[in-house]
């Protein structure tokens, strides 16, 4: 009789532990679902931001191209000036 009581106690203890494991698994699943949702939202925001950045960069390129088309001499002299400036900086650093 004492043995059957011990076996019964072990079964109840095992069921209790199994319930705890199932509850923990459900909790983990819920947290993983929340994390997946958060990552999906972050990816969508990153995609939208990338689209906006690409659009603005494209607009900037078109504006520069328009300025060069409308003021070619100014653009050429500016490019020459920037080239001389970069050459002077490079030569100065190489002398050190």
Foldseek 3Di string as FASTA:
>chain_A
DVVVVVVVVVVVVVVVVVVVVVVVVVVVVVVVVVVVVVVVVVVVVVVVVVVVVVVVVVVVVVVVVVCCVVCVVVVVVVVVVVVVVVVVVVVVVVVD
